[in-house]
Amino acid sequence: MHTPIKDSEVQYEELYQKLRDFKVTHAHCNVPQDYPDNKLANFVAALRILKKRGQLEPERIERLNSLGFSW
């Protein structure tokens, strides 16, 4: 059975993997807002907002930091 939380976690992981792939290709995690994959661009923007508001889980911050994410 799908739950909103479970679906949200799956979606986060899918976008995180896309961000990892983006980094492999471009050598950075700064996805431009006009990037063709607008879900990835919106994901990156949302991560920055959530962190600024103190609403991003520490585990996610650590994973993103280890990826070289620029806040």
C-alpha atoms as a PDB file:
ATOM      1  CA  MET A   1       0.000   0.000   0.000  1.00  0.00           C
ATOM      2  CA  HIS A   2       1.284   3.455  -0.891  1.00  0.00           C
ATOM      3  CA  THR A   3       1.296   6.207   1.674  1.00  0.00           C
ATOM      4  CA  PRO A   4       2.023   9.888   1.026  1.00  0.00           C
ATOM      5  CA  ILE A   5       5.156   9.710   3.191  1.00  0.00           C
ATOM      6  CA  LYS A   6       6.457   6.597   1.432  1.00  0.00           C
ATOM      7  CA  ASP A   7       5.708   8.091  -1.994  1.00  0.00           C
ATOM      8  CA  SER A   8       7.449  11.311  -0.946  1.00  0.00           C
ATOM      9  CA  GLU A   9      10.557   9.387   0.126  1.00  0.00           C
ATOM     10  CA  VAL A  10      10.624   7.492  -3.169  1.00  0.00           C
ATOM     11  CA  GLN A  11      10.271  10.738  -5.110  1.00  0.00           C
ATOM     12  CA  TYR A  12      13.074  12.333  -3.066  1.00  0.00           C
ATOM     13  CA  GLU A  13      15.385   9.392  -3.789  1.00  0.00           C
ATOM     14  CA  GLU A  14      14.590   9.496  -7.501  1.00  0.00           C
ATOM     15  CA  LEU A  15      15.399  13.207  -7.662  1.00  0.00           C
ATOM     16  CA  TYR A  16      18.503  12.740  -5.520  1.00  0.00           C
ATOM     17  CA  GLN A  17      19.737  10.137  -8.023  1.00  0.00           C
ATOM     18  CA  LYS A  18      19.035  12.555 -10.891  1.00  0.00           C
ATOM     19  CA  LEU A  19      21.067  15.172  -9.023  1.00  0.00           C
ATOM     20  CA  ARG A  20      23.951  12.690  -8.647  1.00  0.00           C
ATOM     21  CA  ASP A  21      23.785  11.987 -12.379  1.00  0.00           C
ATOM     22  CA  PHE A  22      23.746  15.728 -13.090  1.00  0.00           C
ATOM     23  CA  LYS A  23      26.880  16.142 -10.969  1.00  0.00           C
ATOM     24  CA  VAL A  24      28.680  13.335 -12.817  1.00  0.00           C
ATOM     25  CA  THR A  25      27.896  15.035 -16.128  1.00  0.00           C
ATOM     26  CA  HIS A  26      28.450  18.683 -15.125  1.00  0.00           C
ATOM     27  CA  ALA A  27      30.914  18.394 -12.187  1.00  0.00           C
ATOM     28  CA  HIS A  28      28.646  20.499  -9.929  1.00  0.00           C
ATOM     29  CA  CYS A  29      25.164  20.454  -8.371  1.00  0.00           C
ATOM     30  CA  ASN A  30      24.015  23.913  -9.446  1.00  0.00           C
ATOM     31  CA  VAL A  31      21.062  22.963 -11.630  1.00  0.00           C
ATOM     32  CA  PRO A  32      19.913  26.105 -13.478  1.00  0.00           C
ATOM     33  CA  GLN A  33      16.251  27.099 -13.190  1.00  0.00           C
ATOM     34  CA  ASP A  34      15.910  26.853 -16.977  1.00  0.00           C
ATOM     35  CA  TYR A  35      17.291  23.296 -17.045  1.00  0.00           C
ATOM     36  CA  PRO A  36      15.184  21.057 -19.328  1.00  0.00           C
ATOM     37  CA  ASP A  37      14.322  18.731 -16.416  1.00  0.00           C
ATOM     38  CA  ASN A  38      12.278  21.285 -14.492  1.00  0.00           C
ATOM     39  CA  LYS A  39      11.527  18.759 -11.709  1.00  0.00           C
ATOM     40  CA  LEU A  40      15.242  18.579 -10.936  1.00  0.00           C
ATOM     41  CA  ALA A  41      15.623  22.365 -11.059  1.00  0.00           C
ATOM     42  CA  ASN A  42      12.630  22.809  -8.730  1.00  0.00           C
ATOM     43  CA  PHE A  43      13.965  20.090  -6.411  1.00  0.00           C
ATOM     44  CA  VAL A  44      17.287  21.893  -5.991  1.00  0.00           C
ATOM     45  CA  ALA A  45      15.560  25.230  -5.363  1.00  0.00           C
ATOM     46  CA  ALA A  46      13.226  23.616  -2.805  1.00  0.00           C
ATOM     47  CA  LEU A  47      16.149  21.998  -0.972  1.00  0.00           C
ATOM     48  CA  ARG A  48      17.796  25.392  -0.505  1.00  0.00           C
ATOM     49  CA  ILE A  49      14.563  26.918   0.788  1.00  0.00           C
ATOM     50  CA  LEU A  50      13.898  24.044   3.192  1.00  0.00           C
ATOM     51  CA  LYS A  51      17.419  24.244   4.608  1.00  0.00           C
ATOM     52  CA  LYS A  52      17.180  28.011   5.040  1.00  0.00           C
ATOM     53  CA  ARG A  53      13.922  27.511   6.968  1.00  0.00           C
ATOM     54  CA  GLY A  54      15.450  24.753   9.107  1.00  0.00           C
ATOM     55  CA  GLN A  55      13.035  22.186   7.669  1.00  0.00           C
ATOM     56  CA  LEU A  56      15.474  19.830   5.945  1.00  0.00           C
ATOM     57  CA  GLU A  57      16.423  16.663   7.798  1.00  0.00           C
ATOM     58  CA  PRO A  58      20.059  16.511   8.994  1.00  0.00           C
ATOM     59  CA  GLU A  59      20.586  13.186   7.199  1.00  0.00           C
ATOM     60  CA  ARG A  60      19.579  14.740   3.892  1.00  0.00           C
ATOM     61  CA  ILE A  61      21.830  17.733   4.516  1.00  0.00           C
ATOM     62  CA  GLU A  62      24.758  15.370   5.165  1.00  0.00           C
ATOM     63  CA  ARG A  63      24.110  13.389   1.987  1.00  0.00           C
ATOM     64  CA  LEU A  64      23.841  16.562  -0.067  1.00  0.00           C
ATOM     65  CA  ASN A  65      26.993  18.008   1.510  1.00  0.00           C
ATOM     66  CA  SER A  66      28.887  14.817   0.654  1.00  0.00           C
ATOM     67  CA  LEU A  67      27.707  15.259  -2.926  1.00  0.00           C
ATOM     68  CA  GLY A  68      29.187  18.768  -2.967  1.00  0.00           C
ATOM     69  CA  PHE A  69      25.830  20.554  -2.951  1.00  0.00           C
ATOM     70  CA  SER A  70      26.085  24.357  -2.830  1.00  0.00           C
ATOM     71  CA  TRP A  71      23.642  25.906  -0.430  1.00  0.00           C
END
